[in-house]
Amino acid sequence: MPLSDIEIAQRAKLQRIVKIAERLGIPEEHLEPYGHYKAKVSFEFVDSLNHRPDAKVILVTAITPTPAGEGKTTTTVGLGDALNRIGKKTVICLREPSLGPVFGMKGGAAGGGYAQVVPMEDINLHFTGDFSAIGLANNLLAAAIDNHIHHGNALGIDVRRIAWRRVVDMNDRALREIVVALGGPGNGFPRQDGFDIVVASEIMAIFCLATSLKDLKTRLGNIVVGYTREQKPVRARDLNVQGAMTVLLKDALKPNLVQTLENNPAFIHGGPFANIAHGCNSVIATRTAMKLADYVVTEAGFGADLGAEKFIDIKCRKSGIRPSAVVIVATIRALKYHGGVDLKEVTKENLAALEKGIANLERHVNNVRNHYGLPCVVSINRFDFDTDAEIALLKKKMAHHEAPVILATHWAHGAKGAEEVARTLVDLVEKVPSDFKFVYDDALPLWDKIKTVATRIYRASDVTADAKVRAQIKRLQEEGYGHYPVCVAKTQYSFSTDPQLRGAPTGHVVNIREVRLAAGAEFVVMVCGDVMTMPGLPKVPSAEKIDLTDEGRVVGLF
């Protein structure tokens, strides 16, 4: 019986983090260890790297995700190991997992099989406490708002127009809409409130876009927490808590260094969701890695229509990072699912469904090449049940897209299984220059930005919104936020806002249900369809499988 992911991770021979850092030229005095196998890197060392040249950045993204699974994080890890194997000094950069999915439906986010980052249990659980710090900073601001109102409300905050919500790093649908301050005058003024998951907090977005502690503090102060009756914005700095919030985050902002199963360096830092936030690890971690290696392999959440678009239009726009190429991850079983096959049947050969489902991959390749202007490689995570006929059909259908299709087996074989992907990618980067471009210009009005993303990337026919939402977008435009990028919050399971609409739908309509200003992160969130910023647990959550043995060993985590 094959070993589970957690069993593979627990049998790994880890090197002490000092040794991993040594290979990158990070002196021991600039490490802040959390045990033997993970550490934060000091700001002093990070700041000392500014004069060094930048590495080539490889973005790993995927087709539209399915219950059949694609293996994007596994590919990121396997590709990083493979590039190191062929002699390219490489660092990978990943997001930290949220406890919501870990205990919910998705499970962990440390890769899988023989392409994992370790220590796997630590990374998937509390890690170095970054998410706790982010949650505390968020909720300190929430407490300060209600406290200010309780003690006289000198700023004149309209309790009907408070925009700041509390957060917790757990899927808990019961907290989506609540009432606070019940129980009498001593508890404040009752009002409707609610919780988001930590990874949807604007603090998380700010954390991942900030370039320094000073920049972090400025961005925190710029957060708009609500409005007065005259609809004038009230910011966090008006409550004078940006300093205390920065104190809570000062250690968390230092990037976390860990390793892969093959003892190659990895930065894992920050973790905004891609379906409800911008889906990228921290700028600080990515830029640090770019100064320490020849190649940096990083990922963006979910498919190339969500995570990759936000990586391009938000993270790259704000940070100056420019990827050299993209890897799009897919599986044949997931493509058959997009072709209409029931999940229970995806392991059986079905050429008709595969041919239909390949349209999803084709659209992502087209978006990457034509709308992002980047060369790309398609990496297929191969399974034993993939047939020769299916592989031949996939390669034939993709032959004219100028995106090499490579079969990879890094889940089973580690770096060796992704070596062909690595060599193909290096050859592509060296021979094919990128024509990097944003999907829209800064100067485009907010409404036109969301319409551009919807029509070009999602292939929607139109964007709709009710009068209240349209008025809010117009007001944000008039108040000077029109140059901000848009961050689309929608289902990850479809190009449309209907999670049941598989494949490559066209002609659908994207409805904007809600608009949220993220003035500190400097983007405008467009909430579309029925997507929730506080997920719920499934009927049988992963938490039911996770346990601790009498010997103190974690089991059931994946």
Protein backbone atom coordinates (compact mmCIF):
# COMPACT_ATOMS: atom_id res chain seq x y z
CA MET A 1 0.00 0.00 0.00
CA PRO A 2 1.51 3.39 -1.01
CA LEU A 3 2.45 5.84 1.69
CA SER A 4 0.18 8.83 2.35
CA ASP A 5 1.48 12.38 1.96
CA ILE A 6 1.88 12.81 5.69
CA GLU A 7 3.69 9.46 6.02
CA ILE A 8 6.12 10.47 3.26
CA ALA A 9 6.71 13.82 4.97
CA GLN A 10 7.24 12.21 8.38
CA ARG A 11 9.87 9.85 6.95
CA ALA A 12 11.81 12.64 5.25
CA LYS A 13 15.40 13.38 6.23
CA LEU A 14 15.29 17.10 6.89
CA GLN A 15 18.37 19.27 7.12
CA ARG A 16 18.57 21.85 9.85
CA ILE A 17 17.36 25.19 8.60
CA VAL A 18 20.81 26.70 9.22
CA LYS A 19 22.17 24.42 6.48
CA ILE A 20 19.42 25.39 4.04
CA ALA A 21 20.08 29.08 4.73
CA GLU A 22 23.82 28.54 4.31
CA ARG A 23 23.29 27.36 0.73
CA LEU A 24 21.57 30.66 0.00
CA GLY A 25 24.26 32.71 1.69
CA ILE A 26 22.07 33.69 4.65
CA PRO A 27 24.28 33.99 7.76
CA GLU A 28 23.05 32.24 10.89
CA GLU A 29 22.86 35.51 12.80
CA HIS A 30 20.16 36.67 10.36
CA LEU A 31 17.93 33.66 11.07
CA GLU A 32 15.24 33.64 13.71
CA PRO A 33 14.62 29.88 14.17
CA TYR A 34 11.28 28.35 15.08
CA GLY A 35 12.68 24.98 16.08
CA HIS A 36 15.25 23.19 13.94
CA TYR A 37 13.52 23.20 10.55
CA LYS A 38 11.90 26.58 9.99
CA ALA A 39 13.03 30.15 10.51
CA LYS A 40 12.30 33.75 9.71
CA VAL A 41 14.88 35.86 7.88
CA SER A 42 15.78 39.26 9.34
CA PHE A 43 14.84 42.52 7.66
CA GLU A 44 18.50 43.58 7.89
CA PHE A 45 19.50 40.72 5.60
CA VAL A 46 16.55 41.26 3.26
CA ASP A 47 17.42 44.95 2.93
CA SER A 48 21.06 44.13 2.20
CA LEU A 49 20.09 42.33 -1.02
CA ASN A 50 18.75 45.32 -2.93
CA HIS A 51 21.85 45.73 -5.09
CA ARG A 52 21.75 42.16 -6.44
CA PRO A 53 20.28 41.26 -9.86
CA ASP A 54 16.86 39.65 -10.08
CA ALA A 55 16.25 35.99 -10.81
CA LYS A 56 13.91 34.79 -13.53
CA VAL A 57 10.42 34.28 -12.13
CA ILE A 58 8.31 31.31 -13.21
CA LEU A 59 4.60 31.49 -12.41
CA VAL A 60 2.77 28.21 -11.86
CA THR A 61 -0.98 28.32 -12.45
CA ALA A 62 -3.60 25.81 -13.55
CA ILE A 63 -6.75 25.03 -15.46
CA THR A 64 -10.07 25.75 -13.77
CA PRO A 65 -9.95 23.57 -10.63
CA THR A 66 -12.12 20.47 -10.29
CA PRO A 67 -12.93 17.94 -7.56
CA ALA A 68 -10.69 15.55 -9.54
CA GLY A 69 -7.66 17.66 -8.60
CA GLU A 70 -4.84 19.20 -10.65
CA GLY A 71 -1.77 19.39 -8.37
CA LYS A 72 -0.61 22.99 -8.76
CA THR A 73 1.33 23.27 -5.49
CA THR A 74 2.80 19.80 -6.03
CA THR A 75 4.02 20.96 -9.45
CA THR A 76 5.50 24.16 -7.99
CA VAL A 77 7.52 22.09 -5.52
CA GLY A 78 8.45 19.40 -8.03
CA LEU A 79 9.52 21.96 -10.63
CA GLY A 80 11.66 23.81 -8.11
CA ASP A 81 13.37 20.56 -7.15
CA ALA A 82 13.82 19.65 -10.82
CA LEU A 83 15.41 23.00 -11.70
CA ASN A 84 17.86 22.52 -8.83
CA ARG A 85 18.50 18.98 -10.11
CA ILE A 86 19.57 20.26 -13.55
CA GLY A 87 21.90 22.84 -12.01
CA LYS A 88 19.73 25.97 -11.83
CA LYS A 89 19.88 27.58 -8.39
CA THR A 90 16.18 27.80 -7.58
CA VAL A 91 13.98 28.91 -4.70
CA ILE A 92 10.25 28.28 -4.53
CA CYS A 93 7.74 30.72 -3.05
CA LEU A 94 4.37 29.53 -1.78
CA ARG A 95 1.46 30.79 0.27
CA GLU A 96 0.84 29.61 3.80
CA PRO A 97 -2.18 27.28 4.13
CA SER A 98 -5.32 28.50 5.87
CA LEU A 99 -6.77 26.36 8.66
CA GLY A 100 -10.21 26.73 7.06
CA PRO A 101 -9.45 24.45 4.09
CA VAL A 102 -7.11 22.26 6.16
CA PHE A 103 -10.00 21.27 8.42
CA GLY A 104 -12.62 21.72 5.71
CA MET A 105 -12.71 20.15 2.25
CA LYS A 106 -9.47 20.99 0.44
CA GLY A 107 -6.97 19.81 3.05
CA GLY A 108 -3.44 21.20 3.34
CA ALA A 109 -1.36 23.08 0.80
CA ALA A 110 2.16 21.74 1.17
CA GLY A 111 2.27 19.75 -2.06
CA GLY A 112 1.91 15.99 -2.24
CA GLY A 113 3.67 12.68 -2.70
CA TYR A 114 7.41 13.19 -3.17
CA ALA A 115 7.01 16.87 -4.06
CA GLN A 116 6.27 18.51 -0.71
CA VAL A 117 7.52 21.29 1.52
CA VAL A 118 8.36 20.28 5.07
CA PRO A 119 7.83 20.16 8.03
CA MET A 120 4.42 19.41 6.54
CA GLU A 121 2.41 19.33 9.78
CA ASP A 122 3.82 22.65 10.97
CA ILE A 123 3.24 24.38 7.64
CA ASN A 124 -0.37 23.18 7.42
CA LEU A 125 -1.21 24.04 11.02
CA HIS A 126 0.06 26.99 13.09
CA PHE A 127 3.44 27.35 11.31
CA THR A 128 5.13 30.52 12.64
CA GLY A 129 1.95 32.24 13.83
CA ASP A 130 1.62 34.68 10.93
CA PHE A 131 -2.10 34.11 10.44
CA SER A 132 -2.75 34.54 14.15
CA ALA A 133 -0.98 37.91 14.06
CA ILE A 134 -2.97 38.98 11.01
CA GLY A 135 -6.25 37.97 12.68
CA LEU A 136 -5.34 39.84 15.84
CA ALA A 137 -4.42 43.00 13.94
CA ASN A 138 -7.71 42.82 12.02
CA ASN A 139 -9.77 42.32 15.18
CA LEU A 140 -7.91 45.02 17.11
CA LEU A 141 -9.14 47.46 14.49
CA ALA A 142 -12.68 46.04 14.76
CA ALA A 143 -12.61 46.43 18.54
CA ALA A 144 -11.28 49.99 18.23
CA ILE A 145 -14.21 50.96 15.99
CA ASP A 146 -16.87 49.78 18.44
CA ASN A 147 -14.92 51.18 21.38
CA HIS A 148 -14.73 54.60 19.73
CA ILE A 149 -18.48 54.61 19.14
CA HIS A 150 -19.15 53.49 22.72
CA HIS A 151 -17.08 56.35 24.14
CA GLY A 152 -18.88 59.18 22.34
CA ASN A 153 -18.14 58.65 18.63
CA ALA A 154 -16.15 61.86 18.15
CA LEU A 155 -15.48 60.93 14.51
CA GLY A 156 -19.18 60.68 13.79
CA ILE A 157 -19.02 57.13 12.41
CA ASP A 158 -22.36 56.08 10.97
CA VAL A 159 -23.00 52.62 12.46
CA ARG A 160 -24.98 51.75 9.34
CA ARG A 161 -21.93 52.33 7.18
CA ILE A 162 -19.18 50.43 9.04
CA ALA A 163 -17.23 48.49 6.40
CA TRP A 164 -14.77 46.60 8.63
CA ARG A 165 -15.57 43.00 9.57
CA ARG A 166 -14.05 40.65 12.09
CA VAL A 167 -12.10 37.55 11.00
CA VAL A 168 -11.24 34.04 12.15
CA ASP A 169 -9.08 31.46 10.34
CA MET A 170 -11.72 28.77 10.21
CA ASN A 171 -14.65 27.90 7.96
CA ASP A 172 -17.67 28.88 10.08
CA ARG A 173 -20.85 29.74 8.19
CA ALA A 174 -22.64 30.67 11.44
CA LEU A 175 -20.45 33.76 11.72
CA ARG A 176 -21.22 35.20 8.28
CA GLU A 177 -23.89 37.54 9.64
CA ILE A 178 -24.14 38.30 13.37
CA VAL A 179 -25.27 40.98 15.80
CA VAL A 180 -22.68 42.45 18.19
CA ALA A 181 -22.96 44.44 21.42
CA LEU A 182 -26.06 42.76 22.84
CA GLY A 183 -26.62 42.76 26.61
CA GLY A 184 -27.12 46.37 27.59
CA PRO A 185 -25.47 49.83 27.40
CA GLY A 186 -22.23 48.63 28.95
CA ASN A 187 -21.56 46.42 25.93
CA GLY A 188 -21.83 49.16 23.33
CA PHE A 189 -24.36 49.87 20.59
CA PRO A 190 -25.93 46.77 18.97
CA ARG A 191 -25.43 46.51 15.24
CA GLN A 192 -25.27 43.94 12.49
CA ASP A 193 -21.74 42.67 11.83
CA GLY A 194 -20.08 39.55 10.47
CA PHE A 195 -16.90 37.54 10.11
CA ASP A 196 -14.71 36.80 7.10
CA ILE A 197 -12.02 34.15 7.02
CA VAL A 198 -8.52 35.55 7.79
CA VAL A 199 -7.32 34.96 4.23
CA ALA A 200 -10.03 37.33 2.95
CA SER A 201 -9.01 40.15 5.31
CA GLU A 202 -7.61 43.34 3.85
CA ILE A 203 -4.84 42.99 6.44
CA MET A 204 -3.77 39.79 4.66
CA ALA A 205 -3.74 41.60 1.32
CA ILE A 206 -1.74 44.48 2.79
CA PHE A 207 0.64 42.03 4.47
CA CYS A 208 1.36 40.38 1.12
CA LEU A 209 1.80 43.63 -0.83
CA ALA A 210 3.80 45.67 1.73
CA THR A 211 7.48 46.19 0.94
CA SER A 212 8.67 47.19 4.42
CA LEU A 213 7.45 47.86 7.95
CA LYS A 214 7.12 51.54 7.08
CA ASP A 215 5.03 50.72 4.01
CA LEU A 216 2.96 48.28 6.09
CA LYS A 217 2.18 50.95 8.70
CA THR A 218 1.19 53.49 6.04
CA ARG A 219 -1.10 51.00 4.31
CA LEU A 220 -2.72 49.97 7.59
CA GLY A 221 -3.42 53.60 8.38
CA ASN A 222 -5.08 54.06 4.97
CA ILE A 223 -7.72 51.38 5.59
CA VAL A 224 -11.21 52.82 5.26
CA VAL A 225 -13.22 51.31 8.12
CA GLY A 226 -16.50 53.11 7.50
CA TYR A 227 -18.18 56.42 6.73
CA THR A 228 -19.84 59.30 8.51
CA ARG A 229 -23.46 60.29 7.90
CA GLU A 230 -22.09 62.72 5.32
CA GLN A 231 -20.37 59.70 3.69
CA LYS A 232 -16.89 60.95 4.46
CA PRO A 233 -14.41 58.07 4.89
CA VAL A 234 -13.08 57.18 8.34
CA ARG A 235 -9.66 55.52 8.25
CA ALA A 236 -7.72 53.38 10.68
CA ARG A 237 -5.30 56.25 11.26
CA ASP A 238 -8.24 58.37 12.47
CA LEU A 239 -8.61 55.81 15.28
CA ASN A 240 -4.83 55.94 15.85
CA VAL A 241 -4.36 52.15 15.92
CA GLN A 242 -2.11 51.66 12.89
CA GLY A 243 0.95 51.69 15.14
CA ALA A 244 -0.37 48.96 17.42
CA MET A 245 -1.44 46.89 14.41
CA THR A 246 2.08 47.18 12.98
CA VAL A 247 3.53 46.02 16.30
CA LEU A 248 1.37 42.89 16.10
CA LEU A 249 2.66 42.22 12.58
CA LYS A 250 6.32 43.25 12.90
CA ASP A 251 7.67 39.71 13.29
CA ALA A 252 5.12 38.08 11.04
CA LEU A 253 6.24 40.25 8.10
CA LYS A 254 9.67 38.60 8.05
CA PRO A 255 9.67 35.83 5.40
CA ASN A 256 9.60 32.18 6.48
CA LEU A 257 12.30 29.81 5.22
CA VAL A 258 11.69 26.04 5.04
CA GLN A 259 12.75 23.23 2.66
CA THR A 260 11.41 20.66 0.22
CA LEU A 261 11.66 16.90 0.69
CA GLU A 262 14.85 17.12 -1.43
CA ASN A 263 16.28 19.77 0.91
CA ASN A 264 15.91 22.69 -1.49
CA PRO A 265 15.01 26.14 -0.07
CA ALA A 266 11.45 27.42 0.00
CA PHE A 267 9.88 30.65 1.25
CA ILE A 268 6.32 30.23 2.50
CA HIS A 269 4.79 33.55 3.51
CA GLY A 270 1.30 35.06 3.47
CA GLY A 271 -1.79 33.38 2.10
CA PRO A 272 -4.70 35.34 0.60
CA PHE A 273 -7.32 33.17 -1.14
CA ALA A 274 -7.50 33.60 -4.90
CA ASN A 275 -11.28 33.31 -5.23
CA ILE A 276 -11.99 36.03 -2.63
CA ALA A 277 -8.64 37.89 -2.47
CA HIS A 278 -5.56 38.31 -4.67
CA GLY A 279 -4.12 34.83 -4.17
CA CYS A 280 -0.36 35.44 -4.05
CA ASN A 281 2.37 34.96 -1.46
CA SER A 282 4.10 38.05 -0.05
CA VAL A 283 6.05 40.50 -2.18
CA ILE A 284 8.77 40.53 0.48
CA ALA A 285 9.29 36.76 0.20
CA THR A 286 9.23 36.76 -3.60
CA ARG A 287 11.64 39.66 -3.93
CA THR A 288 13.99 38.13 -1.33
CA ALA A 289 14.03 34.86 -3.27
CA MET A 290 14.70 36.79 -6.51
CA LYS A 291 17.93 38.14 -5.01
CA LEU A 292 19.16 34.73 -3.84
CA ALA A 293 18.68 32.49 -6.87
CA ASP A 294 18.78 32.12 -10.65
CA TYR A 295 15.16 30.99 -10.82
CA VAL A 296 12.17 31.60 -8.55
CA VAL A 297 9.15 29.34 -8.93
CA THR A 298 5.97 30.75 -7.43
CA GLU A 299 2.28 29.99 -7.72
CA ALA A 300 -0.95 31.89 -8.00
CA GLY A 301 -4.14 30.47 -6.58
CA PHE A 302 -6.67 28.41 -8.55
CA GLY A 303 -6.91 28.80 -12.33
CA ALA A 304 -5.17 31.24 -14.64
CA ASP A 305 -8.38 33.28 -14.89
CA LEU A 306 -8.33 34.07 -11.16
CA GLY A 307 -4.94 33.67 -9.48
CA ALA A 308 -2.76 34.38 -12.50
CA GLU A 309 -4.80 37.42 -13.54
CA LYS A 310 -4.45 38.88 -10.04
CA PHE A 311 -0.76 37.99 -9.93
CA ILE A 312 -0.35 40.00 -13.15
CA ASP A 313 -2.75 42.88 -12.57
CA ILE A 314 -2.25 43.35 -8.81
CA LYS A 315 0.99 41.84 -7.52
CA CYS A 316 3.13 42.57 -10.59
CA ARG A 317 1.60 46.03 -11.03
CA LYS A 318 2.33 46.96 -7.40
CA SER A 319 5.75 45.32 -7.02
CA GLY A 320 7.47 45.61 -10.39
CA ILE A 321 7.92 41.81 -10.54
CA ARG A 322 7.81 40.48 -14.11
CA PRO A 323 7.54 36.72 -14.75
CA SER A 324 9.55 35.20 -17.58
CA ALA A 325 7.21 32.28 -18.27
CA VAL A 326 4.16 30.42 -17.00
CA VAL A 327 3.50 26.75 -16.27
CA ILE A 328 -0.14 25.69 -16.59
CA VAL A 329 -0.96 22.55 -14.61
CA ALA A 330 -3.64 20.07 -15.66
CA THR A 331 -4.59 16.43 -15.40
CA ILE A 332 -6.32 14.32 -18.01
CA ARG A 333 -8.96 13.28 -15.48
CA ALA A 334 -9.74 16.96 -14.69
CA LEU A 335 -10.06 17.75 -18.39
CA LYS A 336 -12.52 14.86 -18.77
CA TYR A 337 -14.48 16.31 -15.87
CA HIS A 338 -14.62 19.63 -17.74
CA GLY A 339 -15.89 17.60 -20.69
CA GLY A 340 -18.91 16.54 -18.65
CA VAL A 341 -17.82 13.23 -17.13
CA ASP A 342 -19.12 12.37 -13.68
CA LEU A 343 -16.43 12.51 -11.00
CA LYS A 344 -16.76 8.75 -10.38
CA GLU A 345 -15.96 8.04 -14.05
CA VAL A 346 -12.93 10.28 -14.66
CA THR A 347 -10.42 7.39 -14.39
CA LYS A 348 -11.99 5.62 -17.40
CA GLU A 349 -10.90 6.35 -20.95
CA ASN A 350 -13.28 8.79 -22.63
CA LEU A 351 -11.82 10.49 -25.68
CA ALA A 352 -14.98 12.44 -26.52
CA ALA A 353 -15.17 14.02 -23.07
CA LEU A 354 -11.45 14.73 -23.07
CA GLU A 355 -11.67 16.49 -26.43
CA LYS A 356 -14.53 18.62 -25.14
CA GLY A 357 -12.76 19.40 -21.86
CA ILE A 358 -9.52 20.43 -23.54
CA ALA A 359 -11.32 23.67 -24.42
CA ASN A 360 -10.78 24.77 -20.82
CA LEU A 361 -7.02 24.27 -21.11
CA GLU A 362 -6.97 26.00 -24.50
CA ARG A 363 -8.64 29.08 -23.08
CA HIS A 364 -6.15 29.35 -20.21
CA VAL A 365 -3.23 28.96 -22.63
CA ASN A 366 -4.72 31.62 -24.89
CA ASN A 367 -5.16 34.00 -21.95
CA VAL A 368 -1.59 33.50 -20.76
CA ARG A 369 -0.04 33.88 -24.20
CA ASN A 370 -2.23 36.59 -25.69
CA HIS A 371 -3.58 38.61 -22.75
CA TYR A 372 -0.64 38.29 -20.34
CA GLY A 373 1.96 38.13 -23.13
CA LEU A 374 3.92 35.26 -21.58
CA PRO A 375 5.32 32.03 -23.02
CA CYS A 376 3.98 28.92 -21.32
CA VAL A 377 4.44 25.21 -20.79
CA VAL A 378 1.59 22.81 -20.02
CA SER A 379 2.55 20.33 -17.29
CA ILE A 380 0.31 17.27 -17.09
CA ASN A 381 0.36 15.41 -13.79
CA ARG A 382 0.28 11.85 -15.09
CA PHE A 383 -1.68 9.00 -13.51
CA ASP A 384 -1.37 5.27 -14.17
CA PHE A 385 -4.89 5.18 -15.60
CA ASP A 386 -4.14 7.82 -18.27
CA THR A 387 -4.20 5.94 -21.59
CA ASP A 388 -1.88 6.31 -24.57
CA ALA A 389 -4.85 7.32 -26.71
CA GLU A 390 -5.81 10.11 -24.30
CA ILE A 391 -2.25 11.42 -24.14
CA ALA A 392 -1.97 11.37 -27.93
CA LEU A 393 -5.26 13.25 -28.32
CA LEU A 394 -4.23 15.91 -25.82
CA LYS A 395 -0.90 16.52 -27.54
CA LYS A 396 -2.55 16.62 -30.96
CA LYS A 397 -5.19 19.13 -29.86
CA MET A 398 -2.60 21.39 -28.20
CA ALA A 399 0.05 21.18 -30.94
CA HIS A 400 -0.84 24.47 -32.62
CA HIS A 401 -0.90 26.53 -29.40
CA GLU A 402 2.89 26.96 -29.12
CA ALA A 403 2.74 25.66 -25.55
CA PRO A 404 4.69 22.40 -25.12
CA VAL A 405 2.71 19.67 -23.34
CA ILE A 406 4.92 17.68 -20.96
CA LEU A 407 3.96 14.68 -18.84
CA ALA A 408 5.24 14.88 -15.28
CA THR A 409 5.48 12.31 -12.49
CA HIS A 410 7.01 14.33 -9.65
CA TRP A 411 4.26 13.20 -7.24
CA ALA A 412 5.68 9.69 -7.48
CA HIS A 413 9.32 10.35 -8.40
CA GLY A 414 10.21 13.79 -7.03
CA ALA A 415 12.55 16.04 -9.02
CA LYS A 416 13.36 13.32 -11.56
CA GLY A 417 9.69 13.18 -12.55
CA ALA A 418 9.62 16.91 -13.43
CA GLU A 419 13.03 17.11 -15.09
CA GLU A 420 11.62 17.27 -18.62
CA VAL A 421 9.32 20.13 -17.60
CA ALA A 422 12.30 21.96 -16.10
CA ARG A 423 14.50 21.52 -19.17
CA THR A 424 11.70 22.53 -21.53
CA LEU A 425 10.97 25.59 -19.42
CA VAL A 426 14.61 26.73 -19.29
CA ASP A 427 14.88 26.33 -23.06
CA LEU A 428 11.68 28.34 -23.51
CA VAL A 429 12.82 31.14 -21.19
CA GLU A 430 16.19 31.41 -22.95
CA LYS A 431 14.77 31.38 -26.49
CA VAL A 432 11.34 33.02 -26.29
CA PRO A 433 11.21 36.59 -24.93
CA SER A 434 8.11 37.55 -22.98
CA ASP A 435 5.81 40.34 -24.08
CA PHE A 436 4.47 40.95 -20.59
CA LYS A 437 1.36 43.09 -20.36
CA PHE A 438 -1.44 43.88 -17.99
CA VAL A 439 -5.02 43.03 -18.90
CA TYR A 440 -6.05 46.68 -18.46
CA ASP A 441 -4.43 50.09 -17.97
CA ASP A 442 -4.41 51.99 -14.68
CA ALA A 443 -6.27 54.88 -16.28
CA LEU A 444 -9.28 52.75 -17.28
CA PRO A 445 -12.35 53.47 -15.08
CA LEU A 446 -13.27 50.83 -12.50
CA TRP A 447 -16.37 49.68 -14.38
CA ASP A 448 -14.38 49.26 -17.58
CA LYS A 449 -11.68 47.32 -15.73
CA ILE A 450 -14.08 44.70 -14.42
CA LYS A 451 -15.78 44.54 -17.81
CA THR A 452 -12.41 44.03 -19.52
CA VAL A 453 -11.51 41.14 -17.21
CA ALA A 454 -14.95 39.57 -17.61
CA THR A 455 -15.11 39.81 -21.39
CA ARG A 456 -11.46 39.09 -22.24
CA ILE A 457 -10.48 36.56 -19.59
CA TYR A 458 -13.84 34.94 -18.69
CA ARG A 459 -15.35 35.40 -22.19
CA ALA A 460 -18.53 36.84 -20.66
CA SER A 461 -20.90 38.80 -22.84
CA ASP A 462 -21.60 41.48 -20.26
CA VAL A 463 -21.29 42.68 -16.67
CA THR A 464 -24.33 43.65 -14.62
CA ALA A 465 -24.97 45.25 -11.23
CA ASP A 466 -27.94 46.75 -9.47
CA ALA A 467 -28.35 50.50 -9.08
CA LYS A 468 -26.87 50.54 -5.58
CA VAL A 469 -23.68 48.75 -6.67
CA ARG A 470 -23.33 50.89 -9.78
CA ALA A 471 -23.68 54.02 -7.65
CA GLN A 472 -21.01 52.74 -5.27
CA ILE A 473 -18.59 52.06 -8.13
CA LYS A 474 -19.29 55.51 -9.54
CA ARG A 475 -18.69 57.11 -6.14
CA LEU A 476 -15.36 55.28 -5.70
CA GLN A 477 -14.35 56.46 -9.16
CA GLU A 478 -15.21 60.07 -8.30
CA GLU A 479 -13.46 59.88 -4.92
CA GLY A 480 -10.12 59.12 -6.59
CA TYR A 481 -9.91 55.33 -6.45
CA GLY A 482 -10.40 54.83 -10.17
CA HIS A 483 -6.71 54.09 -10.79
CA TYR A 484 -6.82 51.07 -8.45
CA PRO A 485 -6.85 47.58 -9.96
CA VAL A 486 -9.90 45.39 -9.41
CA CYS A 487 -9.81 42.16 -7.40
CA VAL A 488 -12.56 39.83 -8.56
CA ALA A 489 -14.14 37.59 -5.90
CA LYS A 490 -16.00 34.78 -7.64
CA THR A 491 -16.24 31.02 -7.77
CA GLN A 492 -13.02 29.27 -8.74
CA TYR A 493 -14.86 26.35 -10.37
CA SER A 494 -15.89 28.08 -13.60
CA PHE A 495 -14.99 30.90 -15.94
CA SER A 496 -18.52 32.09 -15.16
CA THR A 497 -20.06 32.86 -11.78
CA ASP A 498 -21.95 29.54 -11.87
CA PRO A 499 -19.78 26.80 -10.32
CA GLN A 500 -21.73 24.13 -12.24
CA LEU A 501 -20.80 25.59 -15.64
CA ARG A 502 -17.73 23.54 -16.61
CA GLY A 503 -15.42 23.69 -19.63
CA ALA A 504 -15.05 26.98 -21.47
CA PRO A 505 -18.40 28.76 -21.38
CA THR A 506 -19.02 31.90 -23.42
CA GLY A 507 -21.79 34.47 -23.51
CA HIS A 508 -22.51 34.30 -19.78
CA VAL A 509 -23.18 37.41 -17.68
CA VAL A 510 -21.08 38.37 -14.66
CA ASN A 511 -23.16 40.02 -11.96
CA ILE A 512 -21.41 42.19 -9.36
CA ARG A 513 -23.21 41.60 -6.07
CA GLU A 514 -21.11 43.79 -3.81
CA VAL A 515 -18.17 46.19 -3.92
CA ARG A 516 -15.55 46.58 -1.19
CA LEU A 517 -12.87 49.23 -1.08
CA ALA A 518 -9.46 48.02 0.08
CA ALA A 519 -7.75 51.40 0.37
CA GLY A 520 -4.75 50.04 2.28
CA ALA A 521 -4.14 47.22 -0.18
CA GLU A 522 -4.95 49.69 -2.98
CA PHE A 523 -7.49 47.69 -4.95
CA VAL A 524 -11.28 47.44 -5.24
CA VAL A 525 -12.91 44.07 -4.59
CA MET A 526 -15.75 43.14 -6.91
CA VAL A 527 -17.79 40.35 -5.29
CA CYS A 528 -19.53 38.41 -8.06
CA GLY A 529 -22.18 35.72 -7.99
CA ASP A 530 -22.74 33.74 -4.80
CA VAL A 531 -19.12 33.50 -3.61
CA MET A 532 -18.73 33.71 0.18
CA THR A 533 -15.95 35.52 2.03
CA MET A 534 -16.58 33.17 4.95
CA PRO A 535 -16.70 29.56 3.69
CA GLY A 536 -18.57 26.78 5.49
CA LEU A 537 -17.45 23.28 6.40
CA PRO A 538 -18.61 20.36 4.21
CA LYS A 539 -20.88 17.62 5.53
CA VAL A 540 -17.85 15.47 6.33
CA PRO A 541 -14.97 17.90 7.05
CA SER A 542 -11.33 16.86 6.90
CA ALA A 543 -11.16 17.58 10.64
CA GLU A 544 -12.94 14.28 11.26
CA LYS A 545 -9.96 12.39 9.80
CA ILE A 546 -7.20 14.30 11.63
CA ASP A 547 -6.00 12.83 14.90
CA LEU A 548 -3.04 12.41 17.25
CA THR A 549 -1.78 8.94 18.11
CA ASP A 550 -0.80 7.87 21.62
CA GLU A 551 2.81 8.31 20.50
CA GLY A 552 2.16 11.96 19.60
CA ARG A 553 2.16 11.49 15.81
CA VAL A 554 -0.28 13.48 13.65
CA VAL A 555 -2.36 11.34 11.30
CA GLY A 556 -5.04 12.09 8.70
CA LEU A 557 -3.59 15.43 7.59
CA PHE A 558 -3.20 15.76 3.82
